[in-house]
Amino acid sequence: MSQSLDRALTLVGELATGPKTLDELSGVIEVHKSTVLRLLRTLEAHRFVQREGVHHYRLGTALFDLAHRALEERDVRRSAEAALRELNNRTGYTVHLASYEGGEVIYIDKYDSTHPMRMYSRIGRRAPLHCTAVAKVLLADLPEPRRREVARAIDYVPLTANTITAPEAYLAELERVRAAGYAVDNAEHEDFIHCIAAPVRGARGEVVAAVSMSVPKVLLDFEGLMGHLPDLLATARAASVECGWSPRD
């Protein structure tokens, strides 16, 4: 492992939490300020870091550019855009697109609610595996041995009274998702929000992403949310067709 690269990446990760001083960054990687300054100057030359005022550093524009370009390279994100945007425009509720990569579920696109109450979520954020509808959809498509392996490795942190807290209960939930063709988060992740999700399929029928609709409970009760399930499933089918999926007759 390159020590300099490791230190530079640690600095970038620390700056993701907000602007920091040279002293603060020196304390993070536990080296002299002169070493930190050399690293920062290199990062600054490549626009990964920029100075803010006299004493602080923050993330530079290159990172945001790279993130945007990386997301644009995801065919599923581009292909699903029209269907997801139409659902968001029609309902006014938050719509997410998520994918499963490297053992993590990541939000790769988001369409904000037009209602006064909005969700705190962002593109690039990880979705908890055991209590989000998008994660259930994505993990339900894994081969059974892999599903069991993933389920047993999850840290079942109880985030609400409805959170699933045991592997066998979670595996049973994934079986229900496979059979039903959609997943729900009935106030399992956050007790004031519920969500429904459906699979977006690729050319071979594999699940390449999950699309979800999330709504604060004060705007719509669970029965009302389930009333939008046909809209969500239609959106998932339209996005799947754009991703190369051919529905059976």
Protein backbone atom coordinates (compact mmCIF):
# COMPACT_ATOMS: atom_id res chain seq x y z
CA MET A 1 0.00 0.00 0.00
CA SER A 2 1.25 3.48 -0.86
CA GLN A 3 1.48 5.45 2.38
CA SER A 4 1.23 8.82 0.63
CA LEU A 5 -1.83 7.73 -1.37
CA ASP A 6 -3.44 6.30 1.75
CA ARG A 7 -2.89 9.58 3.61
CA ALA A 8 -4.19 11.66 0.71
CA LEU A 9 -7.35 9.57 0.43
CA THR A 10 -7.84 9.80 4.19
CA LEU A 11 -7.65 13.59 3.92
CA VAL A 12 -10.23 13.61 1.12
CA GLY A 13 -12.53 11.43 3.20
CA GLU A 14 -12.16 13.75 6.18
CA LEU A 15 -12.91 16.82 4.07
CA ALA A 16 -16.13 15.16 2.93
CA THR A 17 -17.48 15.93 6.42
CA GLY A 18 -16.81 19.66 5.98
CA PRO A 19 -13.99 22.24 5.78
CA LYS A 20 -11.00 21.56 8.04
CA THR A 21 -7.90 23.45 9.15
CA LEU A 22 -4.34 22.27 8.58
CA ASP A 23 -4.05 21.49 12.29
CA GLU A 24 -7.21 19.36 12.23
CA LEU A 25 -6.06 17.42 9.19
CA SER A 26 -2.63 16.90 10.69
CA GLY A 27 -4.28 15.33 13.71
CA VAL A 28 -6.35 12.99 11.54
CA ILE A 29 -3.40 11.35 9.79
CA GLU A 30 -1.00 11.96 12.69
CA VAL A 31 1.86 13.53 10.75
CA HIS A 32 3.58 16.92 10.81
CA LYS A 33 1.77 19.84 9.24
CA SER A 34 4.46 20.19 6.56
CA THR A 35 3.64 16.68 5.28
CA VAL A 36 -0.08 17.46 5.25
CA LEU A 37 0.58 20.70 3.40
CA ARG A 38 2.52 18.88 0.67
CA LEU A 39 -0.33 16.42 0.22
CA LEU A 40 -2.91 19.21 0.15
CA ARG A 41 -0.94 21.16 -2.45
CA THR A 42 -0.84 18.11 -4.72
CA LEU A 43 -4.57 17.53 -4.26
CA GLU A 44 -5.21 21.21 -4.85
CA ALA A 45 -3.23 21.15 -8.11
CA HIS A 46 -5.60 18.45 -9.36
CA ARG A 47 -8.69 20.27 -8.01
CA PHE A 48 -9.52 17.56 -5.49
CA VAL A 49 -9.08 20.10 -2.68
CA GLN A 50 -9.43 23.85 -2.55
CA ARG A 51 -8.62 26.45 0.05
CA GLU A 52 -11.47 28.24 1.78
CA GLY A 53 -10.35 31.51 3.28
CA VAL A 54 -6.96 31.67 4.92
CA HIS A 55 -6.99 28.65 7.22
CA HIS A 56 -9.47 26.08 5.91
CA TYR A 57 -9.55 23.47 3.15
CA ARG A 58 -12.57 21.86 1.54
CA LEU A 59 -13.32 19.38 -1.26
CA GLY A 60 -12.59 20.65 -4.75
CA THR A 61 -14.64 20.60 -7.91
CA ALA A 62 -12.79 17.66 -9.49
CA LEU A 63 -14.47 15.20 -7.11
CA PHE A 64 -17.94 16.38 -8.01
CA ASP A 65 -17.08 16.26 -11.69
CA LEU A 66 -15.78 12.69 -11.37
CA ALA A 67 -18.84 11.63 -9.39
CA HIS A 68 -21.16 13.11 -12.01
CA ARG A 69 -19.26 11.45 -14.87
CA ALA A 70 -19.25 8.10 -13.07
CA LEU A 71 -23.00 8.27 -12.54
CA GLU A 72 -23.57 9.23 -16.17
CA GLU A 73 -21.72 6.09 -17.21
CA ARG A 74 -24.35 3.94 -15.52
CA ASP A 75 -26.62 2.89 -18.36
CA VAL A 76 -29.42 1.98 -15.95
CA ARG A 77 -29.50 5.50 -14.56
CA ARG A 78 -29.79 7.09 -17.99
CA SER A 79 -32.21 4.47 -19.26
CA ALA A 80 -34.56 4.74 -16.27
CA GLU A 81 -34.54 8.53 -16.08
CA ALA A 82 -37.65 9.28 -18.13
CA ALA A 83 -39.84 6.72 -16.33
CA LEU A 84 -38.70 7.84 -12.87
CA ARG A 85 -39.09 11.52 -13.66
CA GLU A 86 -42.61 10.93 -14.96
CA LEU A 87 -43.58 9.10 -11.75
CA ASN A 88 -42.16 11.91 -9.66
CA ASN A 89 -43.96 14.56 -11.71
CA ARG A 90 -47.26 12.68 -11.52
CA THR A 91 -47.24 11.92 -7.78
CA GLY A 92 -45.02 14.63 -6.32
CA TYR A 93 -43.38 12.07 -4.00
CA THR A 94 -39.68 11.24 -3.62
CA VAL A 95 -38.42 8.67 -6.12
CA HIS A 96 -35.10 6.86 -5.72
CA LEU A 97 -33.06 4.53 -7.91
CA ALA A 98 -30.61 2.21 -6.15
CA SER A 99 -28.12 -0.47 -7.17
CA TYR A 100 -26.25 -3.26 -5.36
CA GLU A 101 -22.49 -3.11 -5.67
CA GLY A 102 -19.71 -4.63 -3.63
CA GLY A 103 -22.04 -5.76 -0.89
CA GLU A 104 -23.66 -2.34 -0.51
CA VAL A 105 -26.89 -0.78 -1.73
CA ILE A 106 -26.24 2.71 -3.09
CA TYR A 107 -28.68 5.40 -4.18
CA ILE A 108 -27.67 6.30 -7.74
CA ASP A 109 -30.45 8.74 -8.57
CA LYS A 110 -33.11 10.77 -6.77
CA TYR A 111 -36.10 12.91 -7.70
CA ASP A 112 -37.15 15.17 -4.86
CA SER A 113 -40.67 15.49 -3.54
CA THR A 114 -42.60 18.57 -4.56
CA HIS A 115 -44.40 18.57 -1.20
CA PRO A 116 -43.22 20.82 1.66
CA MET A 117 -41.88 17.85 3.66
CA ARG A 118 -38.86 16.28 1.97
CA MET A 119 -36.61 13.32 2.71
CA TYR A 120 -33.02 13.68 3.78
CA SER A 121 -31.27 11.43 1.31
CA ARG A 122 -28.73 11.91 -1.43
CA ILE A 123 -27.18 10.25 -4.44
CA GLY A 124 -24.21 8.15 -3.37
CA ARG A 125 -25.57 7.42 0.10
CA ARG A 126 -25.71 3.81 1.31
CA ALA A 127 -29.09 2.28 2.10
CA PRO A 128 -29.23 -0.05 5.13
CA LEU A 129 -29.66 -3.61 3.92
CA HIS A 130 -32.12 -4.86 6.53
CA CYS A 131 -34.71 -2.10 6.63
CA THR A 132 -35.06 -0.40 3.24
CA ALA A 133 -37.37 -1.46 0.44
CA VAL A 134 -34.72 -0.94 -2.27
CA ALA A 135 -32.28 -3.24 -0.47
CA LYS A 136 -34.92 -5.94 -0.10
CA VAL A 137 -35.65 -5.84 -3.84
CA LEU A 138 -31.97 -6.04 -4.76
CA LEU A 139 -31.03 -8.77 -2.29
CA ALA A 140 -34.11 -10.85 -3.08
CA ASP A 141 -32.72 -11.40 -6.57
CA LEU A 142 -29.45 -12.93 -5.33
CA PRO A 143 -28.97 -16.70 -5.58
CA GLU A 144 -30.17 -18.40 -2.41
CA PRO A 145 -26.70 -19.28 -1.02
CA ARG A 146 -25.59 -15.69 -1.49
CA ARG A 147 -28.82 -14.36 0.06
CA ARG A 148 -28.21 -16.47 3.16
CA GLU A 149 -24.59 -15.39 3.36
CA VAL A 150 -25.50 -11.71 3.13
CA ALA A 151 -28.42 -12.03 5.56
CA ARG A 152 -26.25 -13.67 8.21
CA ALA A 153 -23.57 -11.00 7.89
CA ILE A 154 -25.92 -8.04 8.43
CA ASP A 155 -25.74 -6.07 11.65
CA TYR A 156 -29.44 -5.88 12.49
CA VAL A 157 -29.50 -2.52 14.22
CA PRO A 158 -33.10 -1.81 15.36
CA LEU A 159 -33.82 1.65 13.96
CA THR A 160 -37.56 1.62 14.68
CA ALA A 161 -40.07 -0.66 16.35
CA ASN A 162 -40.74 -2.24 12.93
CA THR A 163 -37.13 -3.01 11.97
CA ILE A 164 -36.35 -6.65 11.19
CA THR A 165 -33.72 -7.80 13.68
CA ALA A 166 -32.90 -11.43 12.82
CA PRO A 167 -31.49 -13.24 9.75
CA GLU A 168 -34.27 -15.82 9.45
CA ALA A 169 -36.98 -13.17 9.59
CA TYR A 170 -35.11 -11.19 6.95
CA LEU A 171 -34.72 -14.22 4.68
CA ALA A 172 -38.45 -14.88 5.00
CA GLU A 173 -39.08 -11.26 4.03
CA LEU A 174 -36.89 -11.66 0.94
CA GLU A 175 -38.90 -14.72 -0.08
CA ARG A 176 -42.07 -12.65 0.16
CA VAL A 177 -40.46 -9.97 -2.00
CA ARG A 178 -39.47 -12.53 -4.64
CA ALA A 179 -43.01 -13.89 -4.74
CA ALA A 180 -44.78 -10.53 -4.73
CA GLY A 181 -42.48 -8.65 -7.09
CA TYR A 182 -42.16 -5.63 -4.81
CA ALA A 183 -40.95 -4.68 -1.33
CA VAL A 184 -42.16 -2.40 1.43
CA ASP A 185 -40.49 -0.45 4.19
CA ASN A 186 -43.33 0.06 6.64
CA ALA A 187 -41.59 2.61 8.88
CA GLU A 188 -38.68 0.18 9.33
CA HIS A 189 -35.84 2.59 8.53
CA GLU A 190 -37.37 5.81 9.87
CA ASP A 191 -40.54 5.72 11.92
CA PHE A 192 -42.08 8.72 10.13
CA ILE A 193 -41.50 7.52 6.53
CA HIS A 194 -42.70 4.50 4.59
CA CYS A 195 -41.69 3.28 1.17
CA ILE A 196 -42.44 0.81 -1.63
CA ALA A 197 -39.90 -0.47 -4.17
CA ALA A 198 -39.89 -2.60 -7.32
CA PRO A 199 -37.19 -4.19 -9.48
CA VAL A 200 -35.74 -2.74 -12.68
CA ARG A 201 -34.59 -5.61 -14.89
CA GLY A 202 -31.95 -5.90 -17.57
CA ALA A 203 -31.88 -7.75 -20.87
CA ARG A 204 -31.43 -11.18 -19.21
CA GLY A 205 -34.20 -10.57 -16.70
CA GLU A 206 -31.75 -9.92 -13.88
CA VAL A 207 -32.47 -7.13 -11.38
CA VAL A 208 -30.11 -4.28 -12.23
CA ALA A 209 -31.63 -1.66 -9.92
CA ALA A 210 -34.55 -0.90 -7.63
CA VAL A 211 -36.93 2.04 -7.98
CA SER A 212 -38.78 3.29 -4.92
CA MET A 213 -41.37 5.82 -3.82
CA SER A 214 -40.96 7.26 -0.31
CA VAL A 215 -43.59 9.29 1.52
CA PRO A 216 -43.80 10.82 5.03
CA LYS A 217 -46.64 9.23 6.99
CA VAL A 218 -48.19 12.62 7.73
CA LEU A 219 -48.80 13.11 4.00
CA LEU A 220 -50.06 9.62 3.19
CA ASP A 221 -50.93 6.59 5.31
CA PHE A 222 -49.70 3.10 4.45
CA GLU A 223 -52.93 2.13 2.70
CA GLY A 224 -52.69 5.26 0.59
CA LEU A 225 -49.07 4.48 -0.26
CA MET A 226 -50.00 0.95 -1.36
CA GLY A 227 -52.61 2.52 -3.60
CA HIS A 228 -49.67 3.84 -5.66
CA LEU A 229 -48.19 0.35 -6.11
CA PRO A 230 -49.64 -0.09 -9.64
CA ASP A 231 -48.01 3.21 -10.64
CA LEU A 232 -44.68 2.09 -9.20
CA LEU A 233 -44.81 -1.32 -10.89
CA ALA A 234 -45.67 0.32 -14.22
CA THR A 235 -42.70 2.66 -13.78
CA ALA A 236 -40.39 -0.25 -13.01
CA ARG A 237 -41.62 -2.09 -16.11
CA ALA A 238 -41.12 0.97 -18.32
CA ALA A 239 -37.60 1.47 -16.95
CA SER A 240 -36.86 -2.23 -17.45
CA VAL A 241 -37.90 -2.07 -21.10
CA GLU A 242 -35.53 0.85 -21.58
CA CYS A 243 -32.78 -1.28 -19.97
CA GLY A 244 -33.33 -4.02 -22.55
CA TRP A 245 -35.83 -6.26 -20.75
CA SER A 246 -38.50 -7.93 -22.87
CA PRO A 247 -41.70 -8.71 -20.95
CA ARG A 248 -43.18 -12.12 -21.51
CA ASP A 249 -46.45 -12.43 -23.36
